[in-house]
mmCIF file of all heavy atoms, coordinates in Angstrom:
data_MODEL
# 
_entry.id   MODEL 
# 
loop_
_atom_site.group_PDB 
_atom_site.id 
_atom_site.type_symbol 
_atom_site.label_atom_id 
_atom_site.label_alt_id 
_atom_site.label_comp_id 
_atom_site.label_asym_id 
_atom_site.label_entity_id 
_atom_site.label_seq_id 
_atom_site.pdbx_PDB_ins_code 
_atom_site.Cartn_x 
_atom_site.Cartn_y 
_atom_site.Cartn_z 
_atom_site.occupancy 
_atom_site.B_iso_or_equiv 
_atom_site.pdbx_formal_charge 
_atom_site.auth_seq_id 
_atom_site.auth_comp_id 
_atom_site.auth_asym_id 
_atom_site.auth_atom_id 
_atom_site.pdbx_PDB_model_num 
ATOM 1   N N   . LEU A 1 1  ? -161.488 -85.033 43.983 1.00 0.00 ? 1  LEU A N   1 
ATOM 2   C CA  . LEU A 1 1  ? -160.586 -84.081 43.630 1.00 0.00 ? 1  LEU A CA  1 
ATOM 3   C C   . LEU A 1 1  ? -161.082 -83.274 42.401 1.00 0.00 ? 1  LEU A C   1 
ATOM 4   O O   . LEU A 1 1  ? -161.258 -83.799 41.392 1.00 0.00 ? 1  LEU A O   1 
ATOM 5   C CB  . LEU A 1 1  ? -159.106 -84.690 43.358 1.00 0.00 ? 1  LEU A CB  1 
ATOM 6   C CG  . LEU A 1 1  ? -158.527 -85.467 44.498 1.00 0.00 ? 1  LEU A CG  1 
ATOM 7   C CD1 . LEU A 1 1  ? -157.239 -86.092 44.048 1.00 0.00 ? 1  LEU A CD1 1 
ATOM 8   C CD2 . LEU A 1 1  ? -158.331 -84.562 45.746 1.00 0.00 ? 1  LEU A CD2 1 
ATOM 9   N N   . THR A 1 2  ? -161.133 -81.946 42.482 1.00 0.00 ? 2  THR A N   1 
ATOM 10  C CA  . THR A 1 2  ? -161.655 -81.095 41.399 1.00 0.00 ? 2  THR A CA  1 
ATOM 11  C C   . THR A 1 2  ? -160.511 -80.738 40.609 1.00 0.00 ? 2  THR A C   1 
ATOM 12  O O   . THR A 1 2  ? -160.191 -79.414 40.409 1.00 0.00 ? 2  THR A O   1 
ATOM 13  C CB  . THR A 1 2  ? -162.313 -79.850 42.029 1.00 0.00 ? 2  THR A CB  1 
ATOM 14  O OG1 . THR A 1 2  ? -161.420 -79.103 42.804 1.00 0.00 ? 2  THR A OG1 1 
ATOM 15  C CG2 . THR A 1 2  ? -163.644 -80.336 42.885 1.00 0.00 ? 2  THR A CG2 1 
ATOM 16  N N   . ILE A 1 3  ? -159.864 -81.737 39.944 1.00 0.00 ? 3  ILE A N   1 
ATOM 17  C CA  . ILE A 1 3  ? -158.648 -81.320 39.165 1.00 0.00 ? 3  ILE A CA  1 
ATOM 18  C C   . ILE A 1 3  ? -158.921 -80.603 37.911 1.00 0.00 ? 3  ILE A C   1 
ATOM 19  O O   . ILE A 1 3  ? -158.273 -79.506 37.676 1.00 0.00 ? 3  ILE A O   1 
ATOM 20  C CB  . ILE A 1 3  ? -157.985 -82.760 38.832 1.00 0.00 ? 3  ILE A CB  1 
ATOM 21  C CG1 . ILE A 1 3  ? -157.394 -83.378 39.967 1.00 0.00 ? 3  ILE A CG1 1 
ATOM 22  C CG2 . ILE A 1 3  ? -156.721 -82.415 37.855 1.00 0.00 ? 3  ILE A CG2 1 
ATOM 23  C CD1 . ILE A 1 3  ? -156.837 -84.769 39.764 1.00 0.00 ? 3  ILE A CD1 1 
ATOM 24  N N   . PRO A 1 4  ? -159.918 -80.934 37.052 1.00 0.00 ? 4  PRO A N   1 
ATOM 25  C CA  . PRO A 1 4  ? -160.174 -80.115 35.909 1.00 0.00 ? 4  PRO A CA  1 
ATOM 26  C C   . PRO A 1 4  ? -160.678 -78.663 36.205 1.00 0.00 ? 4  PRO A C   1 
ATOM 27  O O   . PRO A 1 4  ? -160.105 -77.736 35.626 1.00 0.00 ? 4  PRO A O   1 
ATOM 28  C CB  . PRO A 1 4  ? -161.412 -80.811 35.226 1.00 0.00 ? 4  PRO A CB  1 
ATOM 29  C CG  . PRO A 1 4  ? -161.248 -82.246 35.656 1.00 0.00 ? 4  PRO A CG  1 
ATOM 30  C CD  . PRO A 1 4  ? -160.741 -82.212 37.036 1.00 0.00 ? 4  PRO A CD  1 
ATOM 31  N N   . LEU A 1 5  ? -161.493 -78.543 37.255 1.00 0.00 ? 5  LEU A N   1 
ATOM 32  C CA  . LEU A 1 5  ? -161.836 -77.244 37.542 1.00 0.00 ? 5  LEU A CA  1 
ATOM 33  C C   . LEU A 1 5  ? -160.685 -76.337 38.181 1.00 0.00 ? 5  LEU A C   1 
ATOM 34  O O   . LEU A 1 5  ? -160.418 -75.184 37.735 1.00 0.00 ? 5  LEU A O   1 
ATOM 35  C CB  . LEU A 1 5  ? -162.964 -77.289 38.746 1.00 0.00 ? 5  LEU A CB  1 
ATOM 36  C CG  . LEU A 1 5  ? -163.502 -75.943 39.288 1.00 0.00 ? 5  LEU A CG  1 
ATOM 37  C CD1 . LEU A 1 5  ? -164.085 -75.161 38.192 1.00 0.00 ? 5  LEU A CD1 1 
ATOM 38  C CD2 . LEU A 1 5  ? -164.410 -76.279 40.415 1.00 0.00 ? 5  LEU A CD2 1 
ATOM 39  N N   . THR A 1 6  ? -159.795 -76.980 38.933 1.00 0.00 ? 6  THR A N   1 
ATOM 40  C CA  . THR A 1 6  ? -158.717 -76.170 39.493 1.00 0.00 ? 6  THR A CA  1 
ATOM 41  C C   . THR A 1 6  ? -157.684 -75.808 38.507 1.00 0.00 ? 6  THR A C   1 
ATOM 42  O O   . THR A 1 6  ? -157.154 -74.708 38.381 1.00 0.00 ? 6  THR A O   1 
ATOM 43  C CB  . THR A 1 6  ? -158.044 -77.093 40.629 1.00 0.00 ? 6  THR A CB  1 
ATOM 44  O OG1 . THR A 1 6  ? -158.955 -77.541 41.575 1.00 0.00 ? 6  THR A OG1 1 
ATOM 45  C CG2 . THR A 1 6  ? -156.841 -76.308 41.329 1.00 0.00 ? 6  THR A CG2 1 
ATOM 46  N N   . LEU A 1 7  ? -157.386 -76.784 37.470 1.00 0.00 ? 7  LEU A N   1 
ATOM 47  C CA  . LEU A 1 7  ? -156.466 -76.452 36.474 1.00 0.00 ? 7  LEU A CA  1 
ATOM 48  C C   . LEU A 1 7  ? -157.012 -75.229 35.596 1.00 0.00 ? 7  LEU A C   1 
ATOM 49  O O   . LEU A 1 7  ? -156.252 -74.357 35.209 1.00 0.00 ? 7  LEU A O   1 
ATOM 50  C CB  . LEU A 1 7  ? -156.293 -77.679 35.607 1.00 0.00 ? 7  LEU A CB  1 
ATOM 51  C CG  . LEU A 1 7  ? -155.391 -78.809 36.236 1.00 0.00 ? 7  LEU A CG  1 
ATOM 52  C CD1 . LEU A 1 7  ? -155.241 -80.005 35.195 1.00 0.00 ? 7  LEU A CD1 1 
ATOM 53  C CD2 . LEU A 1 7  ? -153.867 -78.254 36.358 1.00 0.00 ? 7  LEU A CD2 1 
ATOM 54  N N   . ALA A 1 8  ? -158.326 -75.436 35.233 1.00 0.00 ? 8  ALA A N   1 
ATOM 55  C CA  . ALA A 1 8  ? -158.873 -74.369 34.450 1.00 0.00 ? 8  ALA A CA  1 
ATOM 56  C C   . ALA A 1 8  ? -158.730 -73.005 34.996 1.00 0.00 ? 8  ALA A C   1 
ATOM 57  O O   . ALA A 1 8  ? -158.448 -72.121 34.377 1.00 0.00 ? 8  ALA A O   1 
ATOM 58  C CB  . ALA A 1 8  ? -160.324 -74.786 34.016 1.00 0.00 ? 8  ALA A CB  1 
ATOM 59  N N   . PHE A 1 9  ? -159.204 -73.023 36.317 1.00 0.00 ? 9  PHE A N   1 
ATOM 60  C CA  . PHE A 1 9  ? -159.215 -71.716 36.878 1.00 0.00 ? 9  PHE A CA  1 
ATOM 61  C C   . PHE A 1 9  ? -157.854 -71.031 37.059 1.00 0.00 ? 9  PHE A C   1 
ATOM 62  O O   . PHE A 1 9  ? -157.617 -69.991 36.814 1.00 0.00 ? 9  PHE A O   1 
ATOM 63  C CB  . PHE A 1 9  ? -159.790 -71.841 38.331 1.00 0.00 ? 9  PHE A CB  1 
ATOM 64  C CG  . PHE A 1 9  ? -159.986 -70.529 39.110 1.00 0.00 ? 9  PHE A CG  1 
ATOM 65  C CD1 . PHE A 1 9  ? -161.212 -69.881 38.988 1.00 0.00 ? 9  PHE A CD1 1 
ATOM 66  C CD2 . PHE A 1 9  ? -159.044 -70.225 39.854 1.00 0.00 ? 9  PHE A CD2 1 
ATOM 67  C CE1 . PHE A 1 9  ? -161.289 -68.719 39.669 1.00 0.00 ? 9  PHE A CE1 1 
ATOM 68  C CE2 . PHE A 1 9  ? -159.200 -68.910 40.623 1.00 0.00 ? 9  PHE A CE2 1 
ATOM 69  C CZ  . PHE A 1 9  ? -160.366 -68.206 40.454 1.00 0.00 ? 9  PHE A CZ  1 
ATOM 70  N N   . ALA A 1 10 ? -156.875 -71.959 37.507 1.00 0.00 ? 10 ALA A N   1 
ATOM 71  C CA  . ALA A 1 10 ? -155.472 -71.494 37.581 1.00 0.00 ? 10 ALA A CA  1 
ATOM 72  C C   . ALA A 1 10 ? -154.851 -70.943 36.230 1.00 0.00 ? 10 ALA A C   1 
ATOM 73  O O   . ALA A 1 10 ? -154.208 -69.928 36.147 1.00 0.00 ? 10 ALA A O   1 
ATOM 74  C CB  . ALA A 1 10 ? -154.613 -72.593 38.155 1.00 0.00 ? 10 ALA A CB  1 
ATOM 75  N N   . LEU A 1 11 ? -155.193 -71.705 35.183 1.00 0.00 ? 11 LEU A N   1 
ATOM 76  C CA  . LEU A 1 11 ? -154.736 -71.353 33.908 1.00 0.00 ? 11 LEU A CA  1 
ATOM 77  C C   . LEU A 1 11 ? -155.269 -70.091 33.429 1.00 0.00 ? 11 LEU A C   1 
ATOM 78  O O   . LEU A 1 11 ? -154.579 -69.123 32.828 1.00 0.00 ? 11 LEU A O   1 
ATOM 79  C CB  . LEU A 1 11 ? -154.862 -72.497 32.876 1.00 0.00 ? 11 LEU A CB  1 
ATOM 80  C CG  . LEU A 1 11 ? -153.957 -73.774 33.192 1.00 0.00 ? 11 LEU A CG  1 
ATOM 81  C CD1 . LEU A 1 11 ? -154.318 -74.809 32.207 1.00 0.00 ? 11 LEU A CD1 1 
ATOM 82  C CD2 . LEU A 1 11 ? -152.569 -73.477 32.984 1.00 0.00 ? 11 LEU A CD2 1 
ATOM 83  N N   . VAL A 1 12 ? -156.569 -69.889 33.536 1.00 0.00 ? 12 VAL A N   1 
ATOM 84  C CA  . VAL A 1 12 ? -157.208 -68.801 33.096 1.00 0.00 ? 12 VAL A CA  1 
ATOM 85  C C   . VAL A 1 12 ? -156.722 -67.529 33.886 1.00 0.00 ? 12 VAL A C   1 
ATOM 86  O O   . VAL A 1 12 ? -156.459 -66.440 33.390 1.00 0.00 ? 12 VAL A O   1 
ATOM 87  C CB  . VAL A 1 12 ? -158.807 -68.765 33.340 1.00 0.00 ? 12 VAL A CB  1 
ATOM 88  C CG1 . VAL A 1 12 ? -159.489 -67.477 33.104 1.00 0.00 ? 12 VAL A CG1 1 
ATOM 89  C CG2 . VAL A 1 12 ? -159.354 -69.853 32.291 1.00 0.00 ? 12 VAL A CG2 1 
ATOM 90  N N   . TRP A 1 13 ? -156.581 -67.749 35.131 1.00 0.00 ? 13 TRP A N   1 
ATOM 91  C CA  . TRP A 1 13 ? -156.045 -66.707 36.038 1.00 0.00 ? 13 TRP A CA  1 
ATOM 92  C C   . TRP A 1 13 ? -154.561 -66.296 35.576 1.00 0.00 ? 13 TRP A C   1 
ATOM 93  O O   . TRP A 1 13 ? -154.189 -65.142 35.506 1.00 0.00 ? 13 TRP A O   1 
ATOM 94  C CB  . TRP A 1 13 ? -155.940 -67.040 37.391 1.00 0.00 ? 13 TRP A CB  1 
ATOM 95  C CG  . TRP A 1 13 ? -156.086 -66.056 38.434 1.00 0.00 ? 13 TRP A CG  1 
ATOM 96  C CD1 . TRP A 1 13 ? -155.985 -64.654 38.138 1.00 0.00 ? 13 TRP A CD1 1 
ATOM 97  C CD2 . TRP A 1 13 ? -156.492 -66.154 39.774 1.00 0.00 ? 13 TRP A CD2 1 
ATOM 98  N NE1 . TRP A 1 13 ? -156.056 -63.959 39.398 1.00 0.00 ? 13 TRP A NE1 1 
ATOM 99  C CE2 . TRP A 1 13 ? -156.466 -64.717 40.307 1.00 0.00 ? 13 TRP A CE2 1 
ATOM 100 C CE3 . TRP A 1 13 ? -156.737 -67.163 40.712 1.00 0.00 ? 13 TRP A CE3 1 
ATOM 101 C CZ2 . TRP A 1 13 ? -156.708 -64.452 41.736 1.00 0.00 ? 13 TRP A CZ2 1 
ATOM 102 C CZ3 . TRP A 1 13 ? -156.906 -66.840 42.031 1.00 0.00 ? 13 TRP A CZ3 1 
ATOM 103 C CH2 . TRP A 1 13 ? -156.990 -65.538 42.446 1.00 0.00 ? 13 TRP A CH2 1 
ATOM 104 N N   . LEU A 1 14 ? -153.782 -67.350 35.245 1.00 0.00 ? 14 LEU A N   1 
ATOM 105 C CA  . LEU A 1 14 ? -152.350 -67.032 34.814 1.00 0.00 ? 14 LEU A CA  1 
ATOM 106 C C   . LEU A 1 14 ? -152.424 -66.374 33.521 1.00 0.00 ? 14 LEU A C   1 
ATOM 107 O O   . LEU A 1 14 ? -151.556 -65.355 33.305 1.00 0.00 ? 14 LEU A O   1 
ATOM 108 C CB  . LEU A 1 14 ? -151.661 -68.467 34.726 1.00 0.00 ? 14 LEU A CB  1 
ATOM 109 C CG  . LEU A 1 14 ? -150.172 -68.385 34.300 1.00 0.00 ? 14 LEU A CG  1 
ATOM 110 C CD1 . LEU A 1 14 ? -149.311 -67.683 35.190 1.00 0.00 ? 14 LEU A CD1 1 
ATOM 111 C CD2 . LEU A 1 14 ? -149.727 -69.768 33.995 1.00 0.00 ? 14 LEU A CD2 1 
ATOM 112 N N   . ILE A 1 15 ? -153.142 -66.833 32.622 1.00 0.00 ? 15 ILE A N   1 
ATOM 113 C CA  . ILE A 1 15 ? -153.157 -66.235 31.246 1.00 0.00 ? 15 ILE A CA  1 
ATOM 114 C C   . ILE A 1 15 ? -153.712 -64.833 31.268 1.00 0.00 ? 15 ILE A C   1 
ATOM 115 O O   . ILE A 1 15 ? -153.038 -63.978 30.647 1.00 0.00 ? 15 ILE A O   1 
ATOM 116 C CB  . ILE A 1 15 ? -154.050 -67.078 30.168 1.00 0.00 ? 15 ILE A CB  1 
ATOM 117 C CG1 . ILE A 1 15 ? -153.437 -68.490 30.093 1.00 0.00 ? 15 ILE A CG1 1 
ATOM 118 C CG2 . ILE A 1 15 ? -154.175 -66.301 28.891 1.00 0.00 ? 15 ILE A CG2 1 
ATOM 119 C CD1 . ILE A 1 15 ? -154.349 -69.482 29.377 1.00 0.00 ? 15 ILE A CD1 1 
ATOM 120 N N   . THR A 1 16 ? -154.714 -64.559 31.931 1.00 0.00 ? 16 THR A N   1 
ATOM 121 C CA  . THR A 1 16 ? -155.328 -63.208 31.994 1.00 0.00 ? 16 THR A CA  1 
ATOM 122 C C   . THR A 1 16 ? -154.423 -62.181 32.852 1.00 0.00 ? 16 THR A C   1 
ATOM 123 O O   . THR A 1 16 ? -154.660 -61.026 32.815 1.00 0.00 ? 16 THR A O   1 
ATOM 124 C CB  . THR A 1 16 ? -156.686 -63.107 32.522 1.00 0.00 ? 16 THR A CB  1 
ATOM 125 O OG1 . THR A 1 16 ? -156.690 -63.828 33.836 1.00 0.00 ? 16 THR A OG1 1 
ATOM 126 C CG2 . THR A 1 16 ? -157.597 -63.963 31.555 1.00 0.00 ? 16 THR A CG2 1 
ATOM 127 N N   . GLY A 1 17 ? -153.448 -62.713 33.535 1.00 0.00 ? 17 GLY A N   1 
ATOM 128 C CA  . GLY A 1 17 ? -152.561 -61.896 34.377 1.00 0.00 ? 17 GLY A CA  1 
ATOM 129 C C   . GLY A 1 17 ? -151.448 -61.231 33.521 1.00 0.00 ? 17 GLY A C   1 
ATOM 130 O O   . GLY A 1 17 ? -150.906 -60.267 33.924 1.00 0.00 ? 17 GLY A O   1 
ATOM 131 N N   . PHE A 1 18 ? -151.457 -61.579 32.206 1.00 0.00 ? 18 PHE A N   1 
ATOM 132 C CA  . PHE A 1 18 ? -150.462 -60.815 31.202 1.00 0.00 ? 18 PHE A CA  1 
ATOM 133 C C   . PHE A 1 18 ? -151.278 -59.886 30.418 1.00 0.00 ? 18 PHE A C   1 
ATOM 134 O O   . PHE A 1 18 ? -152.333 -60.164 30.003 1.00 0.00 ? 18 PHE A O   1 
ATOM 135 C CB  . PHE A 1 18 ? -149.814 -61.891 30.404 1.00 0.00 ? 18 PHE A CB  1 
ATOM 136 C CG  . PHE A 1 18 ? -148.980 -62.977 31.135 1.00 0.00 ? 18 PHE A CG  1 
ATOM 137 C CD1 . PHE A 1 18 ? -149.362 -64.247 31.185 1.00 0.00 ? 18 PHE A CD1 1 
ATOM 138 C CD2 . PHE A 1 18 ? -147.683 -62.530 31.533 1.00 0.00 ? 18 PHE A CD2 1 
ATOM 139 C CE1 . PHE A 1 18 ? -148.600 -65.214 31.854 1.00 0.00 ? 18 PHE A CE1 1 
ATOM 140 C CE2 . PHE A 1 18 ? -146.899 -63.488 32.267 1.00 0.00 ? 18 PHE A CE2 1 
ATOM 141 C CZ  . PHE A 1 18 ? -147.359 -64.831 32.420 1.00 0.00 ? 18 PHE A CZ  1 
ATOM 142 N N   . SER A 1 19 ? -150.572 -58.795 30.264 1.00 0.00 ? 19 SER A N   1 
ATOM 143 C CA  . SER A 1 19 ? -151.255 -57.607 29.412 1.00 0.00 ? 19 SER A CA  1 
ATOM 144 C C   . SER A 1 19 ? -151.108 -57.829 28.005 1.00 0.00 ? 19 SER A C   1 
ATOM 145 O O   . SER A 1 19 ? -152.061 -57.436 27.209 1.00 0.00 ? 19 SER A O   1 
ATOM 146 C CB  . SER A 1 19 ? -150.804 -56.317 29.978 1.00 0.00 ? 19 SER A CB  1 
ATOM 147 O OG  . SER A 1 19 ? -149.301 -56.203 29.805 1.00 0.00 ? 19 SER A OG  1 
ATOM 148 N N   . ARG A 1 20 ? -150.035 -58.276 27.535 1.00 0.00 ? 20 ARG A N   1 
ATOM 149 C CA  . ARG A 1 20 ? -149.812 -58.434 26.113 1.00 0.00 ? 20 ARG A CA  1 
ATOM 150 C C   . ARG A 1 20 ? -150.509 -59.722 25.630 1.00 0.00 ? 20 ARG A C   1 
ATOM 151 O O   . ARG A 1 20 ? -150.343 -60.792 26.153 1.00 0.00 ? 20 ARG A O   1 
ATOM 152 C CB  . ARG A 1 20 ? -148.174 -58.449 25.825 1.00 0.00 ? 20 ARG A CB  1 
ATOM 153 C CG  . ARG A 1 20 ? -147.479 -57.305 26.220 1.00 0.00 ? 20 ARG A CG  1 
ATOM 154 C CD  . ARG A 1 20 ? -145.998 -57.317 25.977 1.00 0.00 ? 20 ARG A CD  1 
ATOM 155 N NE  . ARG A 1 20 ? -145.699 -57.576 24.619 1.00 0.00 ? 20 ARG A NE  1 
ATOM 156 C CZ  . ARG A 1 20 ? -144.539 -57.727 24.103 1.00 0.00 ? 20 ARG A CZ  1 
ATOM 157 N NH1 . ARG A 1 20 ? -143.539 -57.624 24.805 1.00 0.00 ? 20 ARG A NH1 1 
ATOM 158 N NH2 . ARG A 1 20 ? -144.340 -57.839 22.663 1.00 0.00 ? 20 ARG A NH2 1 
ATOM 159 N N   . LYS A 1 21 ? -151.088 -59.448 24.518 1.00 0.00 ? 21 LYS A N   1 
ATOM 160 C CA  . LYS A 1 21 ? -151.905 -60.635 23.835 1.00 0.00 ? 21 LYS A CA  1 
ATOM 161 C C   . LYS A 1 21 ? -150.925 -61.732 23.344 1.00 0.00 ? 21 LYS A C   1 
ATOM 162 O O   . LYS A 1 21 ? -151.272 -62.879 23.337 1.00 0.00 ? 21 LYS A O   1 
ATOM 163 C CB  . LYS A 1 21 ? -152.727 -60.002 22.616 1.00 0.00 ? 21 LYS A CB  1 
ATOM 164 C CG  . LYS A 1 21 ? -153.822 -59.116 23.021 1.00 0.00 ? 21 LYS A CG  1 
ATOM 165 C CD  . LYS A 1 21 ? -154.676 -58.623 21.868 1.00 0.00 ? 21 LYS A CD  1 
ATOM 166 C CE  . LYS A 1 21 ? -155.744 -57.734 22.207 1.00 0.00 ? 21 LYS A CE  1 
ATOM 167 N NZ  . LYS A 1 21 ? -156.583 -57.299 21.122 1.00 0.00 ? 21 LYS A NZ  1 
ATOM 168 N N   . THR A 1 22 ? -149.834 -61.338 22.852 1.00 0.00 ? 22 THR A N   1 
ATOM 169 C CA  . THR A 1 22 ? -148.833 -62.355 22.333 1.00 0.00 ? 22 THR A CA  1 
ATOM 170 C C   . THR A 1 22 ? -148.344 -63.234 23.473 1.00 0.00 ? 22 THR A C   1 
ATOM 171 O O   . THR A 1 22 ? -148.261 -64.536 23.343 1.00 0.00 ? 22 THR A O   1 
ATOM 172 C CB  . THR A 1 22 ? -147.563 -61.769 21.699 1.00 0.00 ? 22 THR A CB  1 
ATOM 173 O OG1 . THR A 1 22 ? -147.115 -60.711 22.671 1.00 0.00 ? 22 THR A OG1 1 
ATOM 174 C CG2 . THR A 1 22 ? -147.982 -61.086 20.422 1.00 0.00 ? 22 THR A CG2 1 
ATOM 175 N N   . VAL A 1 23 ? -148.118 -62.763 24.628 1.00 0.00 ? 23 VAL A N   1 
ATOM 176 C CA  . VAL A 1 23 ? -147.791 -63.407 25.878 1.00 0.00 ? 23 VAL A CA  1 
ATOM 177 C C   . VAL A 1 23 ? -148.910 -64.328 26.289 1.00 0.00 ? 23 VAL A C   1 
ATOM 178 O O   . VAL A 1 23 ? -148.717 -65.475 26.648 1.00 0.00 ? 23 VAL A O   1 
ATOM 179 C CB  . VAL A 1 23 ? -147.289 -62.542 27.006 1.00 0.00 ? 23 VAL A CB  1 
ATOM 180 C CG1 . VAL A 1 23 ? -146.889 -63.413 28.230 1.00 0.00 ? 23 VAL A CG1 1 
ATOM 181 C CG2 . VAL A 1 23 ? -146.122 -61.782 26.525 1.00 0.00 ? 23 VAL A CG2 1 
ATOM 182 N N   . ARG A 1 24 ? -150.135 -63.838 26.197 1.00 0.00 ? 24 ARG A N   1 
ATOM 183 C CA  . ARG A 1 24 ? -151.256 -64.589 26.578 1.00 0.00 ? 24 ARG A CA  1 
ATOM 184 C C   . ARG A 1 24 ? -151.486 -65.808 25.594 1.00 0.00 ? 24 ARG A C   1 
ATOM 185 O O   . ARG A 1 24 ? -151.717 -66.991 26.105 1.00 0.00 ? 24 ARG A O   1 
ATOM 186 C CB  . ARG A 1 24 ? -152.549 -63.735 26.555 1.00 0.00 ? 24 ARG A CB  1 
ATOM 187 C CG  . ARG A 1 24 ? -152.648 -62.824 27.654 1.00 0.00 ? 24 ARG A CG  1 
ATOM 188 C CD  . ARG A 1 24 ? -154.063 -61.979 27.627 1.00 0.00 ? 24 ARG A CD  1 
ATOM 189 N NE  . ARG A 1 24 ? -154.213 -61.076 28.665 1.00 0.00 ? 24 ARG A NE  1 
ATOM 190 C CZ  . ARG A 1 24 ? -155.364 -60.409 28.879 1.00 0.00 ? 24 ARG A CZ  1 
ATOM 191 N NH1 . ARG A 1 24 ? -156.334 -60.552 28.126 1.00 0.00 ? 24 ARG A NH1 1 
ATOM 192 N NH2 . ARG A 1 24 ? -155.447 -59.598 29.919 1.00 0.00 ? 24 ARG A NH2 1 
# 
């Protein structure tokens, strides 16, 4: 199970989905 890779990808995608730096 690629747990670390999946978590990292999903979190980066989630974080970069916000435009405001404070929210990121």
